Amino acid sequence: TSTYTLDLPEDLRRRRVHPTFHISKLRLHVPNDDELFPGRTIHALYDFGQPDDIEYVVDEIVTHEWKSNGTVEFYVRWADGDCTWETYDNLSEVQKLDEYFELMGVTEWEKLP
């Protein structure tokens, strides 16, 4: 296979960094040598300069999918053009979710087909 999905740190997942990469973008991880680079932390290497409380704008909830554990995930198109699968908990306060429920003819996620 030419793509690999990585187990990213929680901080990167919260910042919506996509975990799947083409092999050409991957390099062997070499841990920091504290004698050569004292005080260097991993957080300084991938600080994207975005505040932690940034709000993303949902353009549309495209569809949903039931998971084997009885939960549902929603395929979301964001205003910046990205698309991701999101849990109900991540979207529970989003107006577009209410619009999606109305379109589907339900009032709560448990009643989705």
PDB file of N, CA and C in Angstrom:
ATOM      1  N   THR A   1       0.837  -1.188   0.000  1.00  0.00           N
ATOM      2  CA  THR A   1       0.000   0.000   0.000  1.00  0.00           C
ATOM      3  C   THR A   1       0.878   1.246   0.000  1.00  0.00           C
ATOM      4  N   SER A   2       0.362   2.318  -0.538  1.00  0.00           N
ATOM      5  CA  SER A   2       1.165   3.532  -0.620  1.00  0.00           C
ATOM      6  C   SER A   2       0.716   4.597   0.377  1.00  0.00           C
ATOM      7  N   THR A   3      -0.303   4.298   1.186  1.00  0.00           N
ATOM      8  CA  THR A   3      -0.729   5.235   2.223  1.00  0.00           C
ATOM      9  C   THR A   3      -0.734   4.534   3.572  1.00  0.00           C
ATOM     10  N   TYR A   4      -0.465   5.324   4.603  1.00  0.00           N
ATOM     11  CA  TYR A   4      -0.431   4.798   5.964  1.00  0.00           C
ATOM     12  C   TYR A   4      -1.210   5.735   6.871  1.00  0.00           C
ATOM     13  N   THR A   5      -1.960   5.138   7.790  1.00  0.00           N
ATOM     14  CA  THR A   5      -2.702   5.908   8.777  1.00  0.00           C
ATOM     15  C   THR A   5      -1.945   5.841  10.088  1.00  0.00           C
ATOM     16  N   LEU A   6      -1.624   7.015  10.627  1.00  0.00           N
ATOM     17  CA  LEU A   6      -0.821   7.127  11.836  1.00  0.00           C
ATOM     18  C   LEU A   6      -1.702   7.338  13.054  1.00  0.00           C
ATOM     19  N   ASP A   7      -1.215   6.911  14.204  1.00  0.00           N
ATOM     20  CA  ASP A   7      -1.870   7.180  15.479  1.00  0.00           C
ATOM     21  C   ASP A   7      -1.311   8.512  15.976  1.00  0.00           C
ATOM     22  N   LEU A   8      -1.993   9.601  15.634  1.00  0.00           N
ATOM     23  CA  LEU A   8      -1.510  10.938  15.950  1.00  0.00           C
ATOM     24  C   LEU A   8      -1.766  11.289  17.408  1.00  0.00           C
ATOM     25  N   PRO A   9      -0.936  12.168  17.984  1.00  0.00           N
ATOM     26  CA  PRO A   9      -1.208  12.652  19.348  1.00  0.00           C
ATOM     27  C   PRO A   9      -2.557  13.364  19.402  1.00  0.00           C
ATOM     28  N   GLU A  10      -3.160  13.355  20.559  1.00  0.00           N
ATOM     29  CA  GLU A  10      -4.480  13.948  20.758  1.00  0.00           C
ATOM     30  C   GLU A  10      -4.526  15.405  20.301  1.00  0.00           C
ATOM     31  N   ASP A  11      -3.460  16.152  20.556  1.00  0.00           N
ATOM     32  CA  ASP A  11      -3.440  17.560  20.177  1.00  0.00           C
ATOM     33  C   ASP A  11      -3.592  17.724  18.663  1.00  0.00           C
ATOM     34  N   LEU A  12      -2.964  16.864  17.890  1.00  0.00           N
ATOM     35  CA  LEU A  12      -3.096  16.945  16.440  1.00  0.00           C
ATOM     36  C   LEU A  12      -4.483  16.514  15.979  1.00  0.00           C
ATOM     37  N   ARG A  13      -5.068  15.531  16.649  1.00  0.00           N
ATOM     38  CA  ARG A  13      -6.423  15.101  16.288  1.00  0.00           C
ATOM     39  C   ARG A  13      -7.424  16.223  16.558  1.00  0.00           C
ATOM     40  N   ARG A  14      -7.254  16.930  17.685  1.00  0.00           N
ATOM     41  CA  ARG A  14      -8.146  18.054  18.001  1.00  0.00           C
ATOM     42  C   ARG A  14      -8.025  19.160  16.968  1.00  0.00           C
ATOM     43  N   ARG A  15      -6.852  19.309  16.386  1.00  0.00           N
ATOM     44  CA  ARG A  15      -6.637  20.335  15.361  1.00  0.00           C
ATOM     45  C   ARG A  15      -7.019  19.843  13.974  1.00  0.00           C
ATOM     46  N   ARG A  16      -7.638  18.662  13.929  1.00  0.00           N
ATOM     47  CA  ARG A  16      -8.174  18.085  12.705  1.00  0.00           C
ATOM     48  C   ARG A  16      -7.106  17.779  11.658  1.00  0.00           C
ATOM     49  N   VAL A  17      -5.915  17.375  12.130  1.00  0.00           N
ATOM     50  CA  VAL A  17      -4.889  16.919  11.198  1.00  0.00           C
ATOM     51  C   VAL A  17      -5.301  15.530  10.723  1.00  0.00           C
ATOM     52  N   HIS A  18      -5.393  15.359   9.432  1.00  0.00           N
ATOM     53  CA  HIS A  18      -5.823  14.079   8.862  1.00  0.00           C
ATOM     54  C   HIS A  18      -4.713  13.048   9.092  1.00  0.00           C
ATOM     55  N   PRO A  19      -5.026  11.851   9.595  1.00  0.00           N
ATOM     56  CA  PRO A  19      -3.993  10.890   9.986  1.00  0.00           C
ATOM     57  C   PRO A  19      -3.443  10.014   8.865  1.00  0.00           C
ATOM     58  N   THR A  20      -3.961  10.125   7.639  1.00  0.00           N
ATOM     59  CA  THR A  20      -3.504   9.263   6.554  1.00  0.00           C
ATOM     60  C   THR A  20      -2.573  10.041   5.627  1.00  0.00           C
ATOM     61  N   PHE A  21      -1.399   9.440   5.364  1.00  0.00           N
ATOM     62  CA  PHE A  21      -0.371  10.104   4.570  1.00  0.00           C
ATOM     63  C   PHE A  21       0.150   9.167   3.489  1.00  0.00           C
ATOM     64  N   HIS A  22       0.539   9.743   2.364  1.00  0.00           N
ATOM     65  CA  HIS A  22       1.226   8.981   1.319  1.00  0.00           C
ATOM     66  C   HIS A  22       2.634   8.687   1.815  1.00  0.00           C
ATOM     67  N   ILE A  23       3.157   7.537   1.445  1.00  0.00           N
ATOM     68  CA  ILE A  23       4.465   7.104   1.919  1.00  0.00           C
ATOM     69  C   ILE A  23       5.562   8.115   1.585  1.00  0.00           C
ATOM     70  N   SER A  24       5.404   8.852   0.502  1.00  0.00           N
ATOM     71  CA  SER A  24       6.425   9.834   0.117  1.00  0.00           C
ATOM     72  C   SER A  24       6.524  10.984   1.112  1.00  0.00           C
ATOM     73  N   LYS A  25       5.509  11.166   1.950  1.00  0.00           N
ATOM     74  CA  LYS A  25       5.500  12.254   2.943  1.00  0.00           C
ATOM     75  C   LYS A  25       5.998  11.807   4.312  1.00  0.00           C
ATOM     76  N   LEU A  26       6.283  10.517   4.469  1.00  0.00           N
ATOM     77  CA  LEU A  26       6.682   9.981   5.768  1.00  0.00           C
ATOM     78  C   LEU A  26       8.198   9.825   5.863  1.00  0.00           C
ATOM     79  N   ARG A  27       8.711  10.060   7.052  1.00  0.00           N
ATOM     80  CA  ARG A  27      10.132   9.872   7.343  1.00  0.00           C
ATOM     81  C   ARG A  27      10.249   9.134   8.671  1.00  0.00           C
ATOM     82  N   LEU A  28      11.348   8.430   8.850  1.00  0.00           N
ATOM     83  CA  LEU A  28      11.615   7.718  10.090  1.00  0.00           C
ATOM     84  C   LEU A  28      11.710   8.720  11.240  1.00  0.00           C
ATOM     85  N   HIS A  29      11.019   8.427  12.330  1.00  0.00           N
ATOM     86  CA  HIS A  29      11.060   9.304  13.496  1.00  0.00           C
ATOM     87  C   HIS A  29      12.371   9.116  14.244  1.00  0.00           C
ATOM     88  N   VAL A  30      13.055  10.217  14.499  1.00  0.00           N
ATOM     89  CA  VAL A  30      14.269  10.202  15.302  1.00  0.00           C
ATOM     90  C   VAL A  30      13.977  11.033  16.541  1.00  0.00           C
ATOM     91  N   PRO A  31      13.961  10.392  17.717  1.00  0.00           N
ATOM     92  CA  PRO A  31      13.636  11.132  18.935  1.00  0.00           C
ATOM     93  C   PRO A  31      14.631  12.267  19.192  1.00  0.00           C
ATOM     94  N   ASN A  32      14.178  13.289  19.913  1.00  0.00           N
ATOM     95  CA  ASN A  32      15.025  14.415  20.247  1.00  0.00           C
ATOM     96  C   ASN A  32      16.188  13.978  21.127  1.00  0.00           C
ATOM     97  N   ASP A  33      17.360  14.476  20.825  1.00  0.00           N
ATOM     98  CA  ASP A  33      18.543  14.280  21.666  1.00  0.00           C
ATOM     99  C   ASP A  33      18.646  15.512  22.544  1.00  0.00           C
ATOM    100  N   ASP A  34      18.292  15.363  23.828  1.00  0.00           N
ATOM    101  CA  ASP A  34      18.234  16.515  24.722  1.00  0.00           C
ATOM    102  C   ASP A  34      19.600  17.159  24.941  1.00  0.00           C
ATOM    103  N   GLU A  35      20.680  16.419  24.715  1.00  0.00           N
ATOM    104  CA  GLU A  35      22.019  17.028  24.835  1.00  0.00           C
ATOM    105  C   GLU A  35      22.303  17.950  23.658  1.00  0.00           C
ATOM    106  N   LEU A  36      21.880  17.554  22.474  1.00  0.00           N
ATOM    107  CA  LEU A  36      22.092  18.393  21.290  1.00  0.00           C
ATOM    108  C   LEU A  36      21.091  19.536  21.204  1.00  0.00           C
ATOM    109  N   PHE A  37      19.842  19.260  21.589  1.00  0.00           N
ATOM    110  CA  PHE A  37      18.767  20.241  21.489  1.00  0.00           C
ATOM    111  C   PHE A  37      18.006  20.322  22.806  1.00  0.00           C
ATOM    112  N   PRO A  38      18.602  20.901  23.840  1.00  0.00           N
ATOM    113  CA  PRO A  38      17.940  20.941  25.153  1.00  0.00           C
ATOM    114  C   PRO A  38      16.656  21.771  25.122  1.00  0.00           C
ATOM    115  N   GLY A  39      15.641  21.244  25.790  1.00  0.00           N
ATOM    116  CA  GLY A  39      14.390  21.974  25.937  1.00  0.00           C
ATOM    117  C   GLY A  39      13.468  21.930  24.735  1.00  0.00           C
ATOM    118  N   ARG A  40      13.867  21.250  23.671  1.00  0.00           N
ATOM    119  CA  ARG A  40      12.989  21.180  22.496  1.00  0.00           C
ATOM    120  C   ARG A  40      11.846  20.215  22.794  1.00  0.00           C
ATOM    121  N   THR A  41      10.640  20.692  22.616  1.00  0.00           N
ATOM    122  CA  THR A  41       9.478  19.831  22.850  1.00  0.00           C
ATOM    123  C   THR A  41       8.753  19.610  21.542  1.00  0.00           C
ATOM    124  N   ILE A  42       8.035  18.530  21.468  1.00  0.00           N
ATOM    125  CA  ILE A  42       7.289  18.197  20.255  1.00  0.00           C
ATOM    126  C   ILE A  42       6.245  19.254  19.944  1.00  0.00           C
ATOM    127  N   HIS A  43       5.668  19.895  20.955  1.00  0.00           N
ATOM    128  CA  HIS A  43       4.632  20.899  20.727  1.00  0.00           C
ATOM    129  C   HIS A  43       5.171  22.094  19.955  1.00  0.00           C
ATOM    130  N   ALA A  44       6.428  22.433  20.169  1.00  0.00           N
ATOM    131  CA  ALA A  44       7.014  23.554  19.446  1.00  0.00           C
ATOM    132  C   ALA A  44       7.188  23.225  17.970  1.00  0.00           C
ATOM    133  N   LEU A  45       7.259  21.954  17.633  1.00  0.00           N
ATOM    134  CA  LEU A  45       7.489  21.561  16.249  1.00  0.00           C
ATOM    135  C   LEU A  45       6.231  21.638  15.392  1.00  0.00           C
ATOM    136  N   TYR A  46       5.068  21.494  15.991  1.00  0.00           N
ATOM    137  CA  TYR A  46       3.859  21.520  15.176  1.00  0.00           C
ATOM    138  C   TYR A  46       2.822  22.519  15.677  1.00  0.00           C
ATOM    139  N   ASP A  47       3.273  23.631  16.200  1.00  0.00           N
ATOM    140  CA  ASP A  47       2.340  24.678  16.597  1.00  0.00           C
ATOM    141  C   ASP A  47       1.893  25.411  15.335  1.00  0.00           C
ATOM    142  N   PHE A  48       0.635  25.262  14.987  1.00  0.00           N
ATOM    143  CA  PHE A  48       0.122  25.856  13.761  1.00  0.00           C
ATOM    144  C   PHE A  48      -0.360  27.287  13.970  1.00  0.00           C
ATOM    145  N   GLY A  49      -0.211  27.791  15.174  1.00  0.00           N
ATOM    146  CA  GLY A  49      -0.589  29.164  15.441  1.00  0.00           C
ATOM    147  C   GLY A  49      -2.078  29.407  15.552  1.00  0.00           C
ATOM    148  N   GLN A  50      -2.871  28.340  15.654  1.00  0.00           N
ATOM    149  CA  GLN A  50      -4.303  28.510  15.805  1.00  0.00           C
ATOM    150  C   GLN A  50      -4.667  28.413  17.283  1.00  0.00           C
ATOM    151  N   PRO A  51      -5.555  29.272  17.727  1.00  0.00           N
ATOM    152  CA  PRO A  51      -5.987  29.160  19.122  1.00  0.00           C
ATOM    153  C   PRO A  51      -6.744  27.864  19.349  1.00  0.00           C
ATOM    154  N   ASP A  52      -6.685  27.353  20.573  1.00  0.00           N
ATOM    155  CA  ASP A  52      -7.363  26.104  20.902  1.00  0.00           C
ATOM    156  C   ASP A  52      -8.878  26.216  20.822  1.00  0.00           C
ATOM    157  N   ASP A  53      -9.418  27.411  20.990  1.00  0.00           N
ATOM    158  CA  ASP A  53     -10.873  27.572  21.016  1.00  0.00           C
ATOM    159  C   ASP A  53     -11.446  28.020  19.670  1.00  0.00           C
ATOM    160  N   ILE A  54     -10.712  27.779  18.594  1.00  0.00           N
ATOM    161  CA  ILE A  54     -11.181  28.183  17.269  1.00  0.00           C
ATOM    162  C   ILE A  54     -12.457  27.419  16.908  1.00  0.00           C
ATOM    163  N   GLU A  55     -13.374  28.103  16.269  1.00  0.00           N
ATOM    164  CA  GLU A  55     -14.624  27.477  15.849  1.00  0.00           C
ATOM    165  C   GLU A  55     -14.596  27.290  14.347  1.00  0.00           C
ATOM    166  N   TYR A  56     -14.970  26.111  13.909  1.00  0.00           N
ATOM    167  CA  TYR A  56     -15.015  25.796  12.491  1.00  0.00           C
ATOM    168  C   TYR A  56     -16.450  25.947  12.006  1.00  0.00           C
ATOM    169  N   VAL A  57     -16.622  26.409  10.782  1.00  0.00           N
ATOM    170  CA  VAL A  57     -17.942  26.657  10.236  1.00  0.00           C
ATOM    171  C   VAL A  57     -18.357  25.473   9.363  1.00  0.00           C
ATOM    172  N   VAL A  58     -19.507  24.894   9.677  1.00  0.00           N
ATOM    173  CA  VAL A  58     -20.049  23.773   8.908  1.00  0.00           C
ATOM    174  C   VAL A  58     -20.797  24.329   7.706  1.00  0.00           C
ATOM    175  N   ASP A  59     -20.433  23.852   6.518  1.00  0.00           N
ATOM    176  CA  ASP A  59     -21.139  24.226   5.305  1.00  0.00           C
ATOM    177  C   ASP A  59     -22.361  23.339   5.118  1.00  0.00           C
ATOM    178  N   GLU A  60     -22.169  22.016   5.324  1.00  0.00           N
ATOM    179  CA  GLU A  60     -23.263  21.076   5.104  1.00  0.00           C
ATOM    180  C   GLU A  60     -22.965  19.753   5.787  1.00  0.00           C
ATOM    181  N   ILE A  61     -23.986  19.120   6.310  1.00  0.00           N
ATOM    182  CA  ILE A  61     -23.881  17.732   6.744  1.00  0.00           C
ATOM    183  C   ILE A  61     -24.399  16.910   5.574  1.00  0.00           C
ATOM    184  N   VAL A  62     -23.505  16.131   4.980  1.00  0.00           N
ATOM    185  CA  VAL A  62     -23.797  15.454   3.722  1.00  0.00           C
ATOM    186  C   VAL A  62     -24.577  14.165   3.932  1.00  0.00           C
ATOM    187  N   THR A  63     -24.141  13.353   4.886  1.00  0.00           N
ATOM    188  CA  THR A  63     -24.788  12.065   5.134  1.00  0.00           C
ATOM    189  C   THR A  63     -24.416  11.591   6.537  1.00  0.00           C
ATOM    190  N   HIS A  64     -24.903  10.424   6.895  1.00  0.00           N
ATOM    191  CA  HIS A  64     -24.547   9.829   8.182  1.00  0.00           C
ATOM    192  C   HIS A  64     -24.325   8.336   7.983  1.00  0.00           C
ATOM    193  N   GLU A  65     -23.677   7.738   8.967  1.00  0.00           N
ATOM    194  CA  GLU A  65     -23.387   6.299   8.899  1.00  0.00           C
ATOM    195  C   GLU A  65     -23.463   5.719  10.302  1.00  0.00           C
ATOM    196  N   TRP A  66     -24.210   4.618  10.430  1.00  0.00           N
ATOM    197  CA  TRP A  66     -24.293   3.929  11.713  1.00  0.00           C
ATOM    198  C   TRP A  66     -23.047   3.073  11.916  1.00  0.00           C
ATOM    199  N   LYS A  67     -22.498   3.099  13.110  1.00  0.00           N
ATOM    200  CA  LYS A  67     -21.332   2.296  13.458  1.00  0.00           C
ATOM    201  C   LYS A  67     -21.790   1.025  14.162  1.00  0.00           C
ATOM    202  N   SER A  68     -20.910   0.035  14.190  1.00  0.00           N
ATOM    203  CA  SER A  68     -21.260  -1.257  14.781  1.00  0.00           C
ATOM    204  C   SER A  68     -21.541  -1.161  16.282  1.00  0.00           C
ATOM    205  N   ASN A  69     -21.034  -0.117  16.933  1.00  0.00           N
ATOM    206  CA  ASN A  69     -21.267   0.038  18.376  1.00  0.00           C
ATOM    207  C   ASN A  69     -22.570   0.782  18.689  1.00  0.00           C
ATOM    208  N   GLY A  70     -23.405   1.035  17.644  1.00  0.00           N
ATOM    209  CA  GLY A  70     -24.693   1.673  17.862  1.00  0.00           C
ATOM    210  C   GLY A  70     -24.669   3.185  17.852  1.00  0.00           C
ATOM    211  N   THR A  71     -23.534   3.778  17.527  1.00  0.00           N
ATOM    212  CA  THR A  71     -23.452   5.237  17.422  1.00  0.00           C
ATOM    213  C   THR A  71     -23.515   5.627  15.957  1.00  0.00           C
ATOM    214  N   VAL A  72     -23.653   6.907  15.726  1.00  0.00           N
ATOM    215  CA  VAL A  72     -23.749   7.412  14.360  1.00  0.00           C
ATOM    216  C   VAL A  72     -22.661   8.465  14.146  1.00  0.00           C
ATOM    217  N   GLU A  73     -22.115   8.490  12.939  1.00  0.00           N
ATOM    218  CA  GLU A  73     -21.171   9.538  12.555  1.00  0.00           C
ATOM    219  C   GLU A  73     -21.739  10.279  11.360  1.00  0.00           C
ATOM    220  N   PHE A  74     -21.396  11.557  11.270  1.00  0.00           N
ATOM    221  CA  PHE A  74     -21.901  12.422  10.213  1.00  0.00           C
ATOM    222  C   PHE A  74     -20.754  12.874   9.325  1.00  0.00           C
ATOM    223  N   TYR A  75     -20.990  12.825   8.012  1.00  0.00           N
ATOM    224  CA  TYR A  75     -19.997  13.303   7.057  1.00  0.00           C
ATOM    225  C   TYR A  75     -20.246  14.787   6.851  1.00  0.00           C
ATOM    226  N   VAL A  76     -19.280  15.604   7.275  1.00  0.00           N
ATOM    227  CA  VAL A  76     -19.445  17.053   7.325  1.00  0.00           C
ATOM    228  C   VAL A  76     -18.558  17.718   6.273  1.00  0.00           C
ATOM    229  N   ARG A  77     -19.146  18.625   5.505  1.00  0.00           N
ATOM    230  CA  ARG A  77     -18.368  19.482   4.620  1.00  0.00           C
ATOM    231  C   ARG A  77     -18.209  20.821   5.330  1.00  0.00           C
ATOM    232  N   TRP A  78     -16.969  21.195   5.571  1.00  0.00           N
ATOM    233  CA  TRP A  78     -16.668  22.437   6.281  1.00  0.00           C
ATOM    234  C   TRP A  78     -16.595  23.593   5.291  1.00  0.00           C
ATOM    235  N   ALA A  79     -16.741  24.807   5.797  1.00  0.00           N
ATOM    236  CA  ALA A  79     -16.729  25.997   4.950  1.00  0.00           C
ATOM    237  C   ALA A  79     -15.406  26.167   4.207  1.00  0.00           C
ATOM    238  N   ASP A  80     -14.322  25.618   4.754  1.00  0.00           N
ATOM    239  CA  ASP A  80     -13.018  25.735   4.082  1.00  0.00           C
ATOM    240  C   ASP A  80     -12.828  24.678   2.995  1.00  0.00           C
ATOM    241  N   GLY A  81     -13.856  23.814   2.791  1.00  0.00           N
ATOM    242  CA  GLY A  81     -13.792  22.804   1.746  1.00  0.00           C
ATOM    243  C   GLY A  81     -13.414  21.417   2.220  1.00  0.00           C
ATOM    244  N   ASP A  82     -12.865  21.297   3.424  1.00  0.00           N
ATOM    245  CA  ASP A  82     -12.516  19.984   3.971  1.00  0.00           C
ATOM    246  C   ASP A  82     -13.775  19.200   4.299  1.00  0.00           C
ATOM    247  N   CYS A  83     -13.648  17.871   4.293  1.00  0.00           N
ATOM    248  CA  CYS A  83     -14.738  16.986   4.698  1.00  0.00           C
ATOM    249  C   CYS A  83     -14.191  15.998   5.718  1.00  0.00           C
ATOM    250  N   THR A  84     -14.949  15.777   6.790  1.00  0.00           N
ATOM    251  CA  THR A  84     -14.534  14.834   7.827  1.00  0.00           C
ATOM    252  C   THR A  84     -15.747  14.103   8.371  1.00  0.00           C
ATOM    253  N   TRP A  85     -15.509  12.936   8.963  1.00  0.00           N
ATOM    254  CA  TRP A  85     -16.546  12.209   9.700  1.00  0.00           C
ATOM    255  C   TRP A  85     -16.494  12.693  11.142  1.00  0.00           C
ATOM    256  N   GLU A  86     -17.638  13.079  11.694  1.00  0.00           N
ATOM    257  CA  GLU A  86     -17.715  13.611  13.050  1.00  0.00           C
ATOM    258  C   GLU A  86     -18.776  12.877  13.850  1.00  0.00           C
ATOM    259  N   THR A  87     -18.533  12.769  15.152  1.00  0.00           N
ATOM    260  CA  THR A  87     -19.506  12.149  16.045  1.00  0.00           C
ATOM    261  C   THR A  87     -20.616  13.153  16.370  1.00  0.00           C
ATOM    262  N   TYR A  88     -21.719  12.627  16.884  1.00  0.00           N
ATOM    263  CA  TYR A  88     -22.818  13.494  17.310  1.00  0.00           C
ATOM    264  C   TYR A  88     -22.344  14.471  18.387  1.00  0.00           C
ATOM    265  N   ASP A  89     -21.517  14.002  19.305  1.00  0.00           N
ATOM    266  CA  ASP A  89     -21.032  14.872  20.383  1.00  0.00           C
ATOM    267  C   ASP A  89     -20.307  16.099  19.837  1.00  0.00           C
ATOM    268  N   ASN A  90     -19.574  15.933  18.745  1.00  0.00           N
ATOM    269  CA  ASN A  90     -18.855  17.064  18.156  1.00  0.00           C
ATOM    270  C   ASN A  90     -19.779  18.048  17.454  1.00  0.00           C
ATOM    271  N   LEU A  91     -20.976  17.598  17.113  1.00  0.00           N
ATOM    272  CA  LEU A  91     -21.890  18.434  16.332  1.00  0.00           C
ATOM    273  C   LEU A  91     -23.168  18.815  17.065  1.00  0.00           C
ATOM    274  N   SER A  92     -23.324  18.395  18.301  1.00  0.00           N
ATOM    275  CA  SER A  92     -24.612  18.547  18.988  1.00  0.00           C
ATOM    276  C   SER A  92     -25.089  19.994  19.091  1.00  0.00           C
ATOM    277  N   GLU A  93     -24.195  20.952  19.047  1.00  0.00           N
ATOM    278  CA  GLU A  93     -24.589  22.362  19.162  1.00  0.00           C
ATOM    279  C   GLU A  93     -24.605  23.078  17.811  1.00  0.00           C
ATOM    280  N   VAL A  94     -24.480  22.347  16.722  1.00  0.00           N
ATOM    281  CA  VAL A  94     -24.370  22.939  15.389  1.00  0.00           C
ATOM    282  C   VAL A  94     -25.751  23.066  14.745  1.00  0.00           C
ATOM    283  N   GLN A  95     -26.084  24.259  14.268  1.00  0.00           N
ATOM    284  CA  GLN A  95     -27.376  24.521  13.632  1.00  0.00           C
ATOM    285  C   GLN A  95     -27.596  23.624  12.419  1.00  0.00           C
ATOM    286  N   LYS A  96     -26.538  23.344  11.668  1.00  0.00           N
ATOM    287  CA  LYS A  96     -26.676  22.509  10.463  1.00  0.00           C
ATOM    288  C   LYS A  96     -27.141  21.092  10.805  1.00  0.00           C
ATOM    289  N   LEU A  97     -26.877  20.633  12.024  1.00  0.00           N
ATOM    290  CA  LEU A  97     -27.356  19.316  12.425  1.00  0.00           C
ATOM    291  C   LEU A  97     -28.876  19.319  12.540  1.00  0.00           C
ATOM    292  N   ASP A  98     -29.438  20.381  13.105  1.00  0.00           N
ATOM    293  CA  ASP A  98     -30.901  20.503  13.178  1.00  0.00           C
ATOM    294  C   ASP A  98     -31.509  20.530  11.778  1.00  0.00           C
ATOM    295  N   GLU A  99     -30.840  21.218  10.857  1.00  0.00           N
ATOM    296  CA  GLU A  99     -31.325  21.263   9.477  1.00  0.00           C
ATOM    297  C   GLU A  99     -31.260  19.873   8.839  1.00  0.00           C
ATOM    298  N   TYR A 100     -30.210  19.123   9.128  1.00  0.00           N
ATOM    299  CA  TYR A 100     -30.080  17.764   8.602  1.00  0.00           C
ATOM    300  C   TYR A 100     -31.187  16.859   9.161  1.00  0.00           C
ATOM    301  N   PHE A 101     -31.433  16.970  10.471  1.00  0.00           N
ATOM    302  CA  PHE A 101     -32.512  16.184  11.081  1.00  0.00           C
ATOM    303  C   PHE A 101     -33.851  16.499  10.411  1.00  0.00           C
ATOM    304  N   GLU A 102     -34.109  17.781  10.173  1.00  0.00           N
ATOM    305  CA  GLU A 102     -35.360  18.183   9.526  1.00  0.00           C
ATOM    306  C   GLU A 102     -35.447  17.579   8.123  1.00  0.00           C
ATOM    307  N   LEU A 103     -34.346  17.630   7.386  1.00  0.00           N
ATOM    308  CA  LEU A 103     -34.309  17.044   6.049  1.00  0.00           C
ATOM    309  C   LEU A 103     -34.577  15.537   6.088  1.00  0.00           C
ATOM    310  N   MET A 104     -34.089  14.871   7.132  1.00  0.00           N
ATOM    311  CA  MET A 104     -34.260  13.425   7.276  1.00  0.00           C
ATOM    312  C   MET A 104     -35.603  13.065   7.925  1.00  0.00           C
ATOM    313  N   GLY A 105     -36.339  14.057   8.405  1.00  0.00           N
ATOM    314  CA  GLY A 105     -37.654  13.806   8.992  1.00  0.00           C
ATOM    315  C   GLY A 105     -37.602  13.258  10.403  1.00  0.00           C
ATOM    316  N   VAL A 106     -36.533  13.585  11.157  1.00  0.00           N
ATOM    317  CA  VAL A 106     -36.398  13.132  12.540  1.00  0.00           C
ATOM    318  C   VAL A 106     -36.072  14.330  13.421  1.00  0.00           C
ATOM    319  N   THR A 107     -36.152  14.112  14.740  1.00  0.00           N
ATOM    320  CA  THR A 107     -35.827  15.185  15.680  1.00  0.00           C
ATOM    321  C   THR A 107     -34.620  14.865  16.538  1.00  0.00           C
ATOM    322  N   GLU A 108     -34.158  13.619  16.504  1.00  0.00           N
ATOM    323  CA  GLU A 108     -32.972  13.236  17.277  1.00  0.00           C
ATOM    324  C   GLU A 108     -32.199  12.146  16.531  1.00  0.00           C
ATOM    325  N   TRP A 109     -30.911  12.048  16.850  1.00  0.00           N
ATOM    326  CA  TRP A 109     -30.023  11.159  16.084  1.00  0.00           C
ATOM    327  C   TRP A 109     -30.416   9.692  16.200  1.00  0.00           C
ATOM    328  N   GLU A 110     -30.983   9.301  17.347  1.00  0.00           N
ATOM    329  CA  GLU A 110     -31.353   7.895  17.541  1.00  0.00           C
ATOM    330  C   GLU A 110     -32.414   7.424  16.554  1.00  0.00           C
ATOM    331  N   LYS A 111     -33.158   8.349  15.951  1.00  0.00           N
ATOM    332  CA  LYS A 111     -34.239   7.997  15.037  1.00  0.00           C
ATOM    333  C   LYS A 111     -33.828   8.055  13.569  1.00  0.00           C
ATOM    334  N   LEU A 112     -32.556   8.314  13.310  1.00  0.00           N
ATOM    335  CA  LEU A 112     -32.093   8.339  11.919  1.00  0.00           C
ATOM    336  C   LEU A 112     -32.169   6.945  11.293  1.00  0.00           C
ATOM    337  N   PRO A 113     -32.502   6.869  10.013  1.00  0.00           N
ATOM    338  CA  PRO A 113     -32.587   5.552   9.356  1.00  0.00           C
ATOM    339  C   PRO A 113     -31.211   4.897   9.215  1.00  0.00           C
TER     340      PRO A 113
END
